[in-house]
Amino acid sequence: RKQSAGAEWFVSQAIYDIEPTIQLLKDYAALCRQHGKTPRKVILTFAPVSRTKTLNFIKWLGVKVPQDIEESILQHERPVDKSIDILCDHLRTILKECAGIGVPLGVNCESVSIYKAEIDGVHELFRRLQRILLDARGSPWKVVWVDSSLLTSTSKNENGPPRQALEDDRDNGNKKTVGTVNSASNSFHTVAPMMMGVVLGGALVGAGVMLGSSASGGSRK
């Protein structure tokens, strides 16, 4: 119904129990085939945790966290790192189980606390999930990292000097200067998939990425 009403993409709640997510994606793909519609992008949300307080909060929000996963995170020497590892494995499993069903996927990373370890974990999780998702496409890729001020200051610095961009090398993770971003034209001198990160302050810090074509008008499930 939401797609028929004009929704161009959907955002999931944070995922810790992957079986319902896999089934939802398969059911959605089957329903689209039945009605002759093209599936819209589904953006999967992942939120690293490291404390009982945060786990209790996301469960209060409605996120199902299996008991064995909760215990493995809280009992680990570095809980946030364990959480990130689990979420990366979850994305790999989802991509494997849903390969070929025709539903385009994206990833969104959020922190639901202002705890530094979990906020830092969001950025690390985002980098790793991005690589997993792009690798699953089966073709060469490159991400260009750009000073975020370029997104808002272009009009103020139309005659300013070009700024350097960094490439995330898919083979070894090294970052190197690969080109420039001209603030007058806001154009990249290298061809790369569009990457956008969003950081929200206060009680919610989010980092989101939409891979592929940009979309507008979405719905959160």
N, C-alpha and C. Protein backbone atom coordinates (compact mmCIF):
# COMPACT_ATOMS: atom_id res chain seq x y z
N ARG A 1 0.82 -1.20 0.00
CA ARG A 1 0.00 0.00 0.00
C ARG A 1 0.86 1.26 0.00
N LYS A 2 1.91 1.25 0.77
CA LYS A 2 2.78 2.42 0.85
C LYS A 2 3.47 2.67 -0.49
N GLN A 3 3.90 1.61 -1.15
CA GLN A 3 4.53 1.78 -2.45
C GLN A 3 3.54 2.33 -3.46
N SER A 4 2.31 1.83 -3.43
CA SER A 4 1.29 2.33 -4.34
C SER A 4 0.96 3.79 -4.07
N ALA A 5 1.17 4.21 -2.81
CA ALA A 5 0.90 5.60 -2.43
C ALA A 5 2.06 6.53 -2.78
N GLY A 6 3.16 5.95 -3.28
CA GLY A 6 4.27 6.78 -3.74
C GLY A 6 5.58 6.61 -3.01
N ALA A 7 5.67 5.71 -2.02
CA ALA A 7 6.93 5.51 -1.30
C ALA A 7 7.99 4.99 -2.27
N GLU A 8 9.17 5.59 -2.22
CA GLU A 8 10.27 5.20 -3.10
C GLU A 8 11.28 4.30 -2.41
N TRP A 9 11.28 4.28 -1.09
CA TRP A 9 12.18 3.41 -0.36
C TRP A 9 11.64 3.20 1.06
N PHE A 10 12.15 2.17 1.71
CA PHE A 10 11.71 1.82 3.06
C PHE A 10 12.93 1.65 3.95
N VAL A 11 12.79 2.01 5.22
CA VAL A 11 13.87 1.86 6.21
C VAL A 11 13.40 0.92 7.31
N SER A 12 14.19 -0.07 7.60
CA SER A 12 13.83 -1.04 8.64
C SER A 12 14.18 -0.50 10.02
N GLN A 13 13.65 -1.15 11.05
CA GLN A 13 14.14 -0.92 12.40
C GLN A 13 15.50 -1.61 12.52
N ALA A 14 16.18 -1.35 13.64
CA ALA A 14 17.47 -1.99 13.87
C ALA A 14 17.31 -3.51 13.86
N ILE A 15 18.25 -4.18 13.24
CA ILE A 15 18.15 -5.63 13.04
C ILE A 15 19.16 -6.35 13.93
N TYR A 16 18.64 -7.24 14.77
CA TYR A 16 19.48 -8.19 15.50
C TYR A 16 19.00 -9.62 15.30
N ASP A 17 17.75 -9.78 14.97
CA ASP A 17 17.18 -11.09 14.66
C ASP A 17 16.90 -11.10 13.16
N ILE A 18 17.72 -11.84 12.40
CA ILE A 18 17.68 -11.67 10.94
C ILE A 18 16.61 -12.51 10.24
N GLU A 19 16.13 -13.58 10.87
CA GLU A 19 15.17 -14.45 10.17
C GLU A 19 13.90 -13.71 9.75
N PRO A 20 13.28 -12.90 10.63
CA PRO A 20 12.10 -12.14 10.19
C PRO A 20 12.42 -11.18 9.04
N THR A 21 13.61 -10.60 9.05
CA THR A 21 14.00 -9.68 7.98
C THR A 21 14.12 -10.42 6.66
N ILE A 22 14.76 -11.56 6.67
CA ILE A 22 14.90 -12.35 5.45
C ILE A 22 13.54 -12.76 4.90
N GLN A 23 12.66 -13.18 5.79
CA GLN A 23 11.32 -13.60 5.35
C GLN A 23 10.54 -12.41 4.80
N LEU A 24 10.67 -11.25 5.45
CA LEU A 24 9.98 -10.05 4.99
C LEU A 24 10.43 -9.68 3.57
N LEU A 25 11.73 -9.71 3.33
CA LEU A 25 12.25 -9.35 2.01
C LEU A 25 11.76 -10.33 0.94
N LYS A 26 11.74 -11.61 1.27
CA LYS A 26 11.26 -12.60 0.31
C LYS A 26 9.76 -12.43 0.05
N ASP A 27 9.01 -12.17 1.10
CA ASP A 27 7.57 -11.96 0.92
C ASP A 27 7.29 -10.71 0.10
N TYR A 28 8.07 -9.66 0.34
CA TYR A 28 7.90 -8.42 -0.41
C TYR A 28 8.20 -8.63 -1.90
N ALA A 29 9.27 -9.37 -2.17
CA ALA A 29 9.63 -9.66 -3.56
C ALA A 29 8.53 -10.46 -4.25
N ALA A 30 7.99 -11.45 -3.55
CA ALA A 30 6.93 -12.28 -4.13
C ALA A 30 5.66 -11.47 -4.39
N LEU A 31 5.34 -10.57 -3.46
CA LEU A 31 4.15 -9.73 -3.62
C LEU A 31 4.30 -8.79 -4.81
N CYS A 32 5.50 -8.24 -4.98
CA CYS A 32 5.74 -7.36 -6.13
C CYS A 32 5.61 -8.13 -7.44
N ARG A 33 6.13 -9.35 -7.48
CA ARG A 33 6.00 -10.16 -8.69
C ARG A 33 4.53 -10.46 -8.98
N GLN A 34 3.78 -10.75 -7.94
CA GLN A 34 2.37 -11.08 -8.09
C GLN A 34 1.59 -9.92 -8.69
N HIS A 35 1.95 -8.69 -8.33
CA HIS A 35 1.22 -7.52 -8.79
C HIS A 35 1.93 -6.79 -9.93
N GLY A 36 3.01 -7.37 -10.42
CA GLY A 36 3.71 -6.77 -11.54
C GLY A 36 4.38 -5.45 -11.23
N LYS A 37 4.88 -5.31 -10.01
CA LYS A 37 5.53 -4.06 -9.59
C LYS A 37 7.02 -4.29 -9.36
N THR A 38 7.79 -3.23 -9.51
CA THR A 38 9.23 -3.28 -9.26
C THR A 38 9.49 -2.98 -7.79
N PRO A 39 10.18 -3.85 -7.08
CA PRO A 39 10.45 -3.60 -5.66
C PRO A 39 11.23 -2.30 -5.45
N ARG A 40 10.88 -1.57 -4.42
CA ARG A 40 11.62 -0.37 -4.05
C ARG A 40 12.79 -0.76 -3.14
N LYS A 41 13.70 0.17 -2.98
CA LYS A 41 14.87 -0.10 -2.14
C LYS A 41 14.47 -0.25 -0.68
N VAL A 42 15.04 -1.23 -0.01
CA VAL A 42 14.85 -1.44 1.43
C VAL A 42 16.19 -1.15 2.11
N ILE A 43 16.19 -0.18 2.99
CA ILE A 43 17.41 0.21 3.70
C ILE A 43 17.42 -0.49 5.06
N LEU A 44 18.39 -1.33 5.26
CA LEU A 44 18.50 -2.12 6.49
C LEU A 44 19.25 -1.33 7.55
N THR A 45 18.68 -1.25 8.74
CA THR A 45 19.28 -0.47 9.82
C THR A 45 20.03 -1.37 10.79
N PHE A 46 21.23 -0.92 11.17
CA PHE A 46 22.05 -1.66 12.13
C PHE A 46 22.55 -0.68 13.19
N ALA A 47 22.51 -1.12 14.45
CA ALA A 47 22.89 -0.24 15.56
C ALA A 47 23.81 -0.99 16.52
N PRO A 48 25.07 -0.63 16.60
CA PRO A 48 25.98 -1.31 17.53
C PRO A 48 25.65 -0.96 18.98
N VAL A 49 25.84 -1.92 19.86
CA VAL A 49 25.58 -1.71 21.29
C VAL A 49 26.74 -2.26 22.09
N SER A 50 26.84 -1.82 23.34
CA SER A 50 27.93 -2.31 24.18
C SER A 50 27.55 -2.41 25.65
N ARG A 51 26.33 -1.99 25.99
CA ARG A 51 25.94 -1.94 27.40
C ARG A 51 24.54 -2.51 27.58
N THR A 52 24.30 -3.00 28.76
CA THR A 52 22.97 -3.51 29.10
C THR A 52 21.93 -2.41 28.96
N LYS A 53 22.29 -1.20 29.35
CA LYS A 53 21.36 -0.07 29.28
C LYS A 53 20.91 0.18 27.83
N THR A 54 21.85 0.13 26.90
CA THR A 54 21.51 0.36 25.50
C THR A 54 20.69 -0.80 24.94
N LEU A 55 21.06 -2.00 25.28
CA LEU A 55 20.29 -3.16 24.83
C LEU A 55 18.85 -3.09 25.32
N ASN A 56 18.69 -2.75 26.59
CA ASN A 56 17.33 -2.64 27.14
C ASN A 56 16.54 -1.55 26.42
N PHE A 57 17.23 -0.48 26.04
CA PHE A 57 16.55 0.62 25.37
C PHE A 57 16.08 0.20 23.97
N ILE A 58 16.94 -0.46 23.19
CA ILE A 58 16.51 -0.84 21.84
C ILE A 58 15.42 -1.92 21.90
N LYS A 59 15.46 -2.74 22.96
CA LYS A 59 14.38 -3.73 23.10
C LYS A 59 13.07 -3.02 23.46
N TRP A 60 13.17 -1.97 24.25
CA TRP A 60 11.99 -1.17 24.57
C TRP A 60 11.42 -0.51 23.30
N LEU A 61 12.30 -0.18 22.36
CA LEU A 61 11.87 0.41 21.09
C LEU A 61 11.19 -0.62 20.18
N GLY A 62 11.30 -1.89 20.54
CA GLY A 62 10.66 -2.93 19.74
C GLY A 62 11.61 -3.82 18.98
N VAL A 63 12.91 -3.63 19.19
CA VAL A 63 13.90 -4.45 18.49
C VAL A 63 14.06 -5.78 19.23
N LYS A 64 13.93 -6.88 18.51
CA LYS A 64 14.10 -8.20 19.11
C LYS A 64 15.58 -8.57 19.09
N VAL A 65 16.14 -8.85 20.27
CA VAL A 65 17.54 -9.27 20.39
C VAL A 65 17.56 -10.67 20.97
N PRO A 66 17.93 -11.68 20.19
CA PRO A 66 17.99 -13.05 20.71
C PRO A 66 18.89 -13.13 21.94
N GLN A 67 18.53 -13.98 22.88
CA GLN A 67 19.24 -14.07 24.14
C GLN A 67 20.71 -14.45 23.95
N ASP A 68 20.99 -15.38 23.03
CA ASP A 68 22.38 -15.81 22.84
C ASP A 68 23.24 -14.68 22.28
N ILE A 69 22.66 -13.84 21.43
CA ILE A 69 23.40 -12.71 20.88
C ILE A 69 23.67 -11.67 21.97
N GLU A 70 22.65 -11.40 22.79
CA GLU A 70 22.83 -10.45 23.88
C GLU A 70 23.94 -10.89 24.82
N GLU A 71 23.94 -12.15 25.17
CA GLU A 71 24.97 -12.66 26.09
C GLU A 71 26.36 -12.61 25.47
N SER A 72 26.46 -12.95 24.18
CA SER A 72 27.78 -12.95 23.54
C SER A 72 28.35 -11.54 23.45
N ILE A 73 27.50 -10.54 23.32
CA ILE A 73 27.97 -9.15 23.28
C ILE A 73 28.42 -8.69 24.66
N LEU A 74 27.57 -8.86 25.66
CA LEU A 74 27.85 -8.34 26.99
C LEU A 74 29.00 -9.06 27.69
N GLN A 75 29.23 -10.32 27.33
CA GLN A 75 30.29 -11.10 27.97
C GLN A 75 31.63 -10.94 27.27
N HIS A 76 31.65 -10.24 26.16
CA HIS A 76 32.89 -10.08 25.40
C HIS A 76 33.77 -9.01 26.03
N GLU A 77 35.08 -9.15 25.85
CA GLU A 77 36.02 -8.19 26.41
C GLU A 77 35.79 -6.79 25.83
N ARG A 78 35.45 -6.74 24.54
CA ARG A 78 35.14 -5.47 23.87
C ARG A 78 33.74 -5.61 23.25
N PRO A 79 32.72 -5.32 24.05
CA PRO A 79 31.34 -5.57 23.60
C PRO A 79 30.97 -4.89 22.29
N VAL A 80 31.39 -3.63 22.09
CA VAL A 80 30.99 -2.94 20.87
C VAL A 80 31.60 -3.59 19.64
N ASP A 81 32.83 -4.09 19.78
CA ASP A 81 33.47 -4.78 18.65
C ASP A 81 32.75 -6.08 18.33
N LYS A 82 32.32 -6.78 19.37
CA LYS A 82 31.57 -8.01 19.16
C LYS A 82 30.25 -7.71 18.48
N SER A 83 29.60 -6.64 18.90
CA SER A 83 28.34 -6.23 18.28
C SER A 83 28.54 -5.94 16.79
N ILE A 84 29.60 -5.23 16.46
CA ILE A 84 29.89 -4.91 15.06
C ILE A 84 30.12 -6.17 14.25
N ASP A 85 30.89 -7.10 14.81
CA ASP A 85 31.15 -8.37 14.10
C ASP A 85 29.85 -9.12 13.81
N ILE A 86 28.97 -9.15 14.81
CA ILE A 86 27.70 -9.86 14.64
C ILE A 86 26.85 -9.20 13.55
N LEU A 87 26.80 -7.88 13.56
CA LEU A 87 25.98 -7.18 12.57
C LEU A 87 26.54 -7.32 11.16
N CYS A 88 27.85 -7.37 11.04
CA CYS A 88 28.45 -7.62 9.72
C CYS A 88 28.09 -9.02 9.23
N ASP A 89 28.13 -10.00 10.12
CA ASP A 89 27.73 -11.35 9.74
C ASP A 89 26.25 -11.39 9.36
N HIS A 90 25.44 -10.62 10.07
CA HIS A 90 24.01 -10.56 9.74
C HIS A 90 23.79 -10.04 8.32
N LEU A 91 24.50 -8.99 7.95
CA LEU A 91 24.33 -8.46 6.59
C LEU A 91 24.79 -9.49 5.56
N ARG A 92 25.89 -10.15 5.80
CA ARG A 92 26.35 -11.17 4.85
C ARG A 92 25.29 -12.26 4.67
N THR A 93 24.68 -12.68 5.77
CA THR A 93 23.65 -13.72 5.69
C THR A 93 22.43 -13.24 4.93
N ILE A 94 22.00 -12.02 5.21
CA ILE A 94 20.84 -11.46 4.51
C ILE A 94 21.11 -11.39 3.01
N LEU A 95 22.30 -10.91 2.63
CA LEU A 95 22.64 -10.81 1.21
C LEU A 95 22.68 -12.18 0.55
N LYS A 96 23.19 -13.16 1.25
CA LYS A 96 23.26 -14.51 0.70
C LYS A 96 21.88 -15.12 0.54
N GLU A 97 21.04 -14.99 1.56
CA GLU A 97 19.72 -15.61 1.53
C GLU A 97 18.77 -14.90 0.56
N CYS A 98 19.01 -13.62 0.32
CA CYS A 98 18.10 -12.83 -0.52
C CYS A 98 18.69 -12.53 -1.91
N ALA A 99 19.77 -13.18 -2.24
CA ALA A 99 20.38 -12.95 -3.56
C ALA A 99 19.41 -13.39 -4.66
N GLY A 100 19.23 -12.52 -5.63
CA GLY A 100 18.42 -12.87 -6.78
C GLY A 100 16.94 -12.63 -6.65
N ILE A 101 16.47 -12.13 -5.51
CA ILE A 101 15.02 -11.94 -5.35
C ILE A 101 14.56 -10.61 -5.95
N GLY A 102 15.51 -9.74 -6.27
CA GLY A 102 15.15 -8.51 -6.96
C GLY A 102 14.86 -7.31 -6.10
N VAL A 103 15.09 -7.41 -4.79
CA VAL A 103 14.87 -6.26 -3.90
C VAL A 103 16.19 -5.53 -3.69
N PRO A 104 16.30 -4.27 -4.14
CA PRO A 104 17.54 -3.52 -3.92
C PRO A 104 17.69 -3.16 -2.45
N LEU A 105 18.93 -3.27 -1.96
CA LEU A 105 19.17 -3.05 -0.53
C LEU A 105 20.16 -1.91 -0.31
N GLY A 106 19.99 -1.24 0.81
CA GLY A 106 20.95 -0.25 1.28
C GLY A 106 21.17 -0.47 2.76
N VAL A 107 22.10 0.26 3.35
CA VAL A 107 22.35 0.12 4.78
C VAL A 107 22.31 1.48 5.47
N ASN A 108 21.86 1.46 6.70
CA ASN A 108 21.78 2.64 7.56
C ASN A 108 22.33 2.24 8.92
N CYS A 109 23.23 3.05 9.47
CA CYS A 109 23.80 2.76 10.79
C CYS A 109 23.40 3.85 11.77
N GLU A 110 22.98 3.44 12.94
CA GLU A 110 22.53 4.39 13.95
C GLU A 110 23.13 4.06 15.32
N SER A 111 23.29 5.09 16.12
CA SER A 111 23.56 4.91 17.54
C SER A 111 22.38 5.48 18.30
N VAL A 112 21.89 4.76 19.26
CA VAL A 112 20.73 5.23 20.02
C VAL A 112 21.15 5.76 21.40
N SER A 113 22.44 6.04 21.55
CA SER A 113 22.91 6.60 22.81
C SER A 113 23.95 7.67 22.51
N ILE A 114 24.38 8.37 23.56
CA ILE A 114 25.46 9.34 23.42
C ILE A 114 26.74 8.79 24.05
N TYR A 115 26.80 7.48 24.25
CA TYR A 115 27.97 6.80 24.80
C TYR A 115 29.05 6.75 23.72
N LYS A 116 30.25 7.26 24.01
CA LYS A 116 31.28 7.45 23.00
C LYS A 116 31.65 6.17 22.27
N ALA A 117 31.79 5.07 22.99
CA ALA A 117 32.20 3.82 22.35
C ALA A 117 31.18 3.39 21.30
N GLU A 118 29.91 3.61 21.58
CA GLU A 118 28.86 3.21 20.64
C GLU A 118 28.78 4.19 19.46
N ILE A 119 29.03 5.46 19.70
CA ILE A 119 29.05 6.43 18.61
C ILE A 119 30.22 6.13 17.67
N ASP A 120 31.40 5.89 18.25
CA ASP A 120 32.56 5.53 17.43
C ASP A 120 32.30 4.23 16.68
N GLY A 121 31.59 3.32 17.34
CA GLY A 121 31.28 2.04 16.70
C GLY A 121 30.41 2.20 15.47
N VAL A 122 29.54 3.22 15.47
CA VAL A 122 28.69 3.47 14.31
C VAL A 122 29.53 3.71 13.06
N HIS A 123 30.57 4.52 13.20
CA HIS A 123 31.39 4.85 12.05
C HIS A 123 32.17 3.64 11.54
N GLU A 124 32.70 2.85 12.47
CA GLU A 124 33.40 1.63 12.06
C GLU A 124 32.44 0.64 11.41
N LEU A 125 31.27 0.50 11.98
CA LEU A 125 30.27 -0.40 11.41
C LEU A 125 29.87 0.05 10.02
N PHE A 126 29.66 1.34 9.85
CA PHE A 126 29.29 1.87 8.54
C PHE A 126 30.33 1.54 7.48
N ARG A 127 31.60 1.74 7.81
CA ARG A 127 32.66 1.45 6.84
C ARG A 127 32.66 -0.02 6.45
N ARG A 128 32.49 -0.88 7.43
CA ARG A 128 32.54 -2.31 7.14
C ARG A 128 31.31 -2.80 6.37
N LEU A 129 30.13 -2.32 6.78
CA LEU A 129 28.91 -2.73 6.07
C LEU A 129 28.92 -2.22 4.63
N GLN A 130 29.43 -1.02 4.44
CA GLN A 130 29.50 -0.46 3.10
C GLN A 130 30.32 -1.36 2.19
N ARG A 131 31.46 -1.82 2.69
CA ARG A 131 32.32 -2.69 1.88
C ARG A 131 31.62 -4.01 1.57
N ILE A 132 30.94 -4.56 2.57
CA ILE A 132 30.25 -5.83 2.37
C ILE A 132 29.18 -5.69 1.31
N LEU A 133 28.40 -4.62 1.40
CA LEU A 133 27.31 -4.41 0.45
C LEU A 133 27.84 -4.18 -0.95
N LEU A 134 28.89 -3.37 -1.07
CA LEU A 134 29.44 -3.10 -2.39
C LEU A 134 30.12 -4.32 -2.98
N ASP A 135 30.83 -5.09 -2.16
CA ASP A 135 31.46 -6.32 -2.65
C ASP A 135 30.42 -7.29 -3.19
N ALA A 136 29.23 -7.28 -2.58
CA ALA A 136 28.17 -8.22 -2.99
C ALA A 136 27.65 -7.90 -4.39
N ARG A 137 27.93 -6.71 -4.90
CA ARG A 137 27.49 -6.35 -6.24
C ARG A 137 28.24 -7.12 -7.31
N GLY A 138 29.42 -7.63 -6.96
CA GLY A 138 30.17 -8.45 -7.90
C GLY A 138 30.90 -7.68 -8.98
N SER A 139 31.10 -6.37 -8.78
CA SER A 139 31.81 -5.58 -9.77
C SER A 139 32.73 -4.61 -9.05
N PRO A 140 33.79 -4.12 -9.72
CA PRO A 140 34.72 -3.19 -9.07
C PRO A 140 34.00 -1.93 -8.59
N TRP A 141 34.47 -1.38 -7.48
CA TRP A 141 33.85 -0.18 -6.95
C TRP A 141 34.90 0.69 -6.29
N LYS A 142 34.53 1.92 -6.08
CA LYS A 142 35.42 2.88 -5.43
C LYS A 142 34.56 3.94 -4.74
N VAL A 143 34.93 4.28 -3.52
CA VAL A 143 34.23 5.33 -2.78
C VAL A 143 35.16 6.51 -2.63
N VAL A 144 34.66 7.68 -2.91
CA VAL A 144 35.44 8.90 -2.72
C VAL A 144 34.93 9.61 -1.47
N TRP A 145 35.81 9.82 -0.51
CA TRP A 145 35.45 10.50 0.73
C TRP A 145 35.73 11.99 0.57
N VAL A 146 34.73 12.79 0.90
CA VAL A 146 34.81 14.21 0.65
C VAL A 146 34.56 14.98 1.95
N ASP A 147 35.27 16.08 2.11
CA ASP A 147 35.04 16.98 3.24
C ASP A 147 33.56 17.33 3.28
N SER A 148 32.88 17.03 4.37
CA SER A 148 31.44 17.25 4.45
C SER A 148 31.06 18.70 4.28
N SER A 149 31.99 19.62 4.53
CA SER A 149 31.67 21.04 4.36
C SER A 149 31.38 21.36 2.90
N LEU A 150 31.86 20.49 1.98
CA LEU A 150 31.60 20.73 0.57
C LEU A 150 30.12 20.64 0.25
N LEU A 151 29.39 19.87 1.06
CA LEU A 151 27.97 19.69 0.79
C LEU A 151 27.17 20.94 1.09
N THR A 152 27.72 21.82 1.91
CA THR A 152 26.96 23.01 2.32
C THR A 152 27.62 24.32 1.94
N SER A 153 28.93 24.28 1.61
CA SER A 153 29.65 25.54 1.40
C SER A 153 29.96 25.83 -0.06
N THR A 154 29.44 25.01 -0.97
CA THR A 154 29.77 25.21 -2.38
C THR A 154 29.42 26.60 -2.85
N SER A 155 28.20 27.06 -2.49
CA SER A 155 27.75 28.35 -2.96
C SER A 155 28.56 29.50 -2.36
N LYS A 156 29.17 29.26 -1.19
CA LYS A 156 29.94 30.31 -0.52
C LYS A 156 31.37 30.38 -1.03
N ASN A 157 31.84 29.31 -1.67
CA ASN A 157 33.23 29.24 -2.10
C ASN A 157 33.33 28.90 -3.58
N GLU A 158 32.54 29.58 -4.38
CA GLU A 158 32.48 29.25 -5.79
C GLU A 158 33.82 29.42 -6.48
N ASN A 159 34.65 30.36 -5.97
CA ASN A 159 35.95 30.61 -6.59
C ASN A 159 37.10 30.05 -5.77
N GLY A 160 36.75 29.22 -4.81
CA GLY A 160 37.78 28.67 -3.94
C GLY A 160 38.59 27.60 -4.64
N PRO A 161 39.71 27.19 -4.02
CA PRO A 161 40.58 26.19 -4.64
C PRO A 161 39.96 24.81 -4.58
N PRO A 162 40.35 23.91 -5.48
CA PRO A 162 39.86 22.53 -5.44
C PRO A 162 40.27 21.87 -4.13
N ARG A 163 39.46 20.93 -3.67
CA ARG A 163 39.78 20.22 -2.44
C ARG A 163 40.05 18.76 -2.74
N GLN A 164 40.92 18.17 -1.91
CA GLN A 164 41.31 16.80 -2.16
C GLN A 164 40.22 15.82 -1.74
N ALA A 165 40.15 14.74 -2.47
CA ALA A 165 39.24 13.64 -2.13
C ALA A 165 40.08 12.42 -1.83
N LEU A 166 39.54 11.53 -0.99
CA LEU A 166 40.26 10.32 -0.62
C LEU A 166 39.53 9.10 -1.16
N GLU A 167 40.31 8.14 -1.60
CA GLU A 167 39.75 6.90 -2.09
C GLU A 167 39.89 5.81 -1.04
N ASP A 168 38.82 5.05 -0.85
CA ASP A 168 38.87 3.88 0.02
C ASP A 168 39.18 2.69 -0.88
N ASP A 169 40.40 2.22 -0.83
CA ASP A 169 40.85 1.13 -1.70
C ASP A 169 40.20 -0.17 -1.25
N ARG A 170 39.42 -0.82 -2.10
CA ARG A 170 38.67 -2.01 -1.72
C ARG A 170 39.58 -3.19 -1.42
N ASP A 171 40.83 -3.18 -1.92
CA ASP A 171 41.70 -4.34 -1.74
C ASP A 171 42.41 -4.34 -0.40
N ASN A 172 42.87 -3.17 0.05
CA ASN A 172 43.64 -3.19 1.30
C ASN A 172 43.19 -2.16 2.32
N GLY A 173 42.13 -1.40 2.02
CA GLY A 173 41.59 -0.48 3.00
C GLY A 173 42.39 0.79 3.16
N ASN A 174 43.48 0.96 2.38
CA ASN A 174 44.27 2.18 2.49
C ASN A 174 43.54 3.35 1.87
N LYS A 175 43.76 4.52 2.43
CA LYS A 175 43.18 5.73 1.88
C LYS A 175 44.27 6.55 1.23
N LYS A 176 44.03 7.07 0.05
CA LYS A 176 45.02 7.86 -0.65
C LYS A 176 44.31 8.94 -1.45
N THR A 177 45.07 10.01 -1.76
CA THR A 177 44.51 11.07 -2.57
C THR A 177 44.39 10.59 -4.00
N VAL A 178 43.20 10.70 -4.56
CA VAL A 178 42.99 10.20 -5.92
C VAL A 178 42.47 11.29 -6.86
N GLY A 179 42.15 12.45 -6.35
CA GLY A 179 41.62 13.48 -7.23
C GLY A 179 41.25 14.71 -6.43
N THR A 180 40.53 15.58 -7.05
CA THR A 180 40.11 16.80 -6.38
C THR A 180 38.64 17.00 -6.57
N VAL A 181 38.06 17.78 -5.68
CA VAL A 181 36.68 18.20 -5.82
C VAL A 181 36.70 19.70 -6.05
N ASN A 182 36.24 20.15 -7.18
CA ASN A 182 36.22 21.56 -7.50
C ASN A 182 34.98 22.19 -6.90
N SER A 183 35.14 23.14 -5.98
CA SER A 183 33.98 23.70 -5.30
C SER A 183 33.11 24.52 -6.23
N ALA A 184 33.65 24.97 -7.37
CA ALA A 184 32.85 25.75 -8.30
C ALA A 184 31.85 24.89 -9.04
N SER A 185 32.28 23.67 -9.38
CA SER A 185 31.39 22.78 -10.14
C SER A 185 30.85 21.66 -9.30
N ASN A 186 31.48 21.46 -8.09
CA ASN A 186 31.07 20.38 -7.20
C ASN A 186 31.09 19.03 -7.92
N SER A 187 32.10 18.86 -8.78
CA SER A 187 32.20 17.63 -9.56
C SER A 187 33.41 16.84 -9.12
N PHE A 188 33.32 15.53 -9.19
CA PHE A 188 34.42 14.66 -8.84
C PHE A 188 35.28 14.42 -10.08
N HIS A 189 36.58 14.35 -9.89
CA HIS A 189 37.47 14.02 -10.98
C HIS A 189 37.69 12.52 -11.08
N THR A 190 37.01 11.78 -10.23
CA THR A 190 37.02 10.32 -10.32
C THR A 190 35.59 9.85 -10.33
N VAL A 191 35.34 8.70 -10.95
CA VAL A 191 34.00 8.16 -11.02
C VAL A 191 33.81 7.23 -9.84
N ALA A 192 32.74 7.43 -9.08
CA ALA A 192 32.53 6.65 -7.86
C ALA A 192 31.05 6.60 -7.56
N PRO A 193 30.62 5.58 -6.82
CA PRO A 193 29.23 5.55 -6.35
C PRO A 193 29.01 6.70 -5.37
N MET A 194 27.81 7.24 -5.36
CA MET A 194 27.51 8.32 -4.43
C MET A 194 27.39 7.77 -3.02
N MET A 195 28.06 8.43 -2.09
CA MET A 195 27.99 8.04 -0.68
C MET A 195 27.55 9.24 0.12
N MET A 196 26.58 9.05 0.98
CA MET A 196 26.14 10.14 1.85
C MET A 196 26.09 9.65 3.29
N GLY A 197 26.70 10.36 4.22
CA GLY A 197 26.62 10.03 5.64
C GLY A 197 25.87 11.11 6.38
N VAL A 198 25.05 10.72 7.29
CA VAL A 198 24.27 11.67 8.07
C VAL A 198 24.52 11.41 9.54
N VAL A 199 24.90 12.43 10.27
CA VAL A 199 25.14 12.28 11.71
C VAL A 199 24.15 13.15 12.46
N LEU A 200 23.38 12.57 13.32
CA LEU A 200 22.41 13.30 14.12
C LEU A 200 22.91 13.37 15.55
N GLY A 201 22.83 14.54 16.18
CA GLY A 201 23.29 14.70 17.55
C GLY A 201 22.19 14.47 18.56
N GLY A 202 22.53 14.69 19.82
CA GLY A 202 21.59 14.50 20.91
C GLY A 202 21.46 13.03 21.26
N ALA A 203 20.22 12.59 21.49
CA ALA A 203 19.98 11.23 21.92
C ALA A 203 20.12 10.24 20.79
N LEU A 204 20.15 10.72 19.56
CA LEU A 204 20.23 9.81 18.42
C LEU A 204 21.32 10.29 17.49
N VAL A 205 22.31 9.41 17.27
CA VAL A 205 23.35 9.73 16.32
C VAL A 205 23.26 8.71 15.20
N GLY A 206 22.99 9.13 14.02
CA GLY A 206 22.79 8.20 12.91
C GLY A 206 23.80 8.43 11.83
N ALA A 207 24.21 7.34 11.19
CA ALA A 207 25.04 7.44 9.99
C ALA A 207 24.38 6.59 8.94
N GLY A 208 23.94 7.14 7.86
CA GLY A 208 23.19 6.42 6.83
C GLY A 208 23.90 6.44 5.51
N VAL A 209 23.71 5.42 4.72
CA VAL A 209 24.24 5.40 3.36
C VAL A 209 23.22 4.84 2.44
N MET A 210 23.07 5.45 1.32
CA MET A 210 22.22 4.94 0.27
C MET A 210 23.11 4.69 -0.93
N LEU A 211 23.19 3.44 -1.34
CA LEU A 211 24.07 3.06 -2.43
C LEU A 211 23.24 2.88 -3.68
N GLY A 212 23.70 3.39 -4.74
CA GLY A 212 22.96 3.34 -5.99
C GLY A 212 22.33 4.68 -6.24
N SER A 213 21.25 4.71 -6.96
CA SER A 213 20.61 5.98 -7.30
C SER A 213 19.94 6.57 -6.09
N SER A 214 19.92 7.89 -6.01
CA SER A 214 19.29 8.55 -4.88
C SER A 214 17.80 8.44 -5.00
N ALA A 215 17.12 8.42 -3.84
CA ALA A 215 15.67 8.27 -3.84
C ALA A 215 15.05 9.27 -2.88
N SER A 216 13.78 9.52 -3.05
CA SER A 216 13.10 10.44 -2.15
C SER A 216 11.73 9.88 -1.83
N GLY A 217 11.24 10.25 -0.66
CA GLY A 217 9.89 9.84 -0.25
C GLY A 217 9.88 8.42 0.21
N GLY A 218 10.30 8.14 1.43
CA GLY A 218 10.40 6.78 1.90
C GLY A 218 9.48 6.49 3.05
N SER A 219 9.59 5.26 3.55
CA SER A 219 8.74 4.85 4.65
C SER A 219 9.56 3.97 5.57
N ARG A 220 9.35 4.12 6.85
CA ARG A 220 10.07 3.31 7.82
C ARG A 220 9.16 2.23 8.34
N LYS A 221 9.67 0.99 8.34
CA LYS A 221 8.89 -0.15 8.81
C LYS A 221 9.26 -0.44 10.25
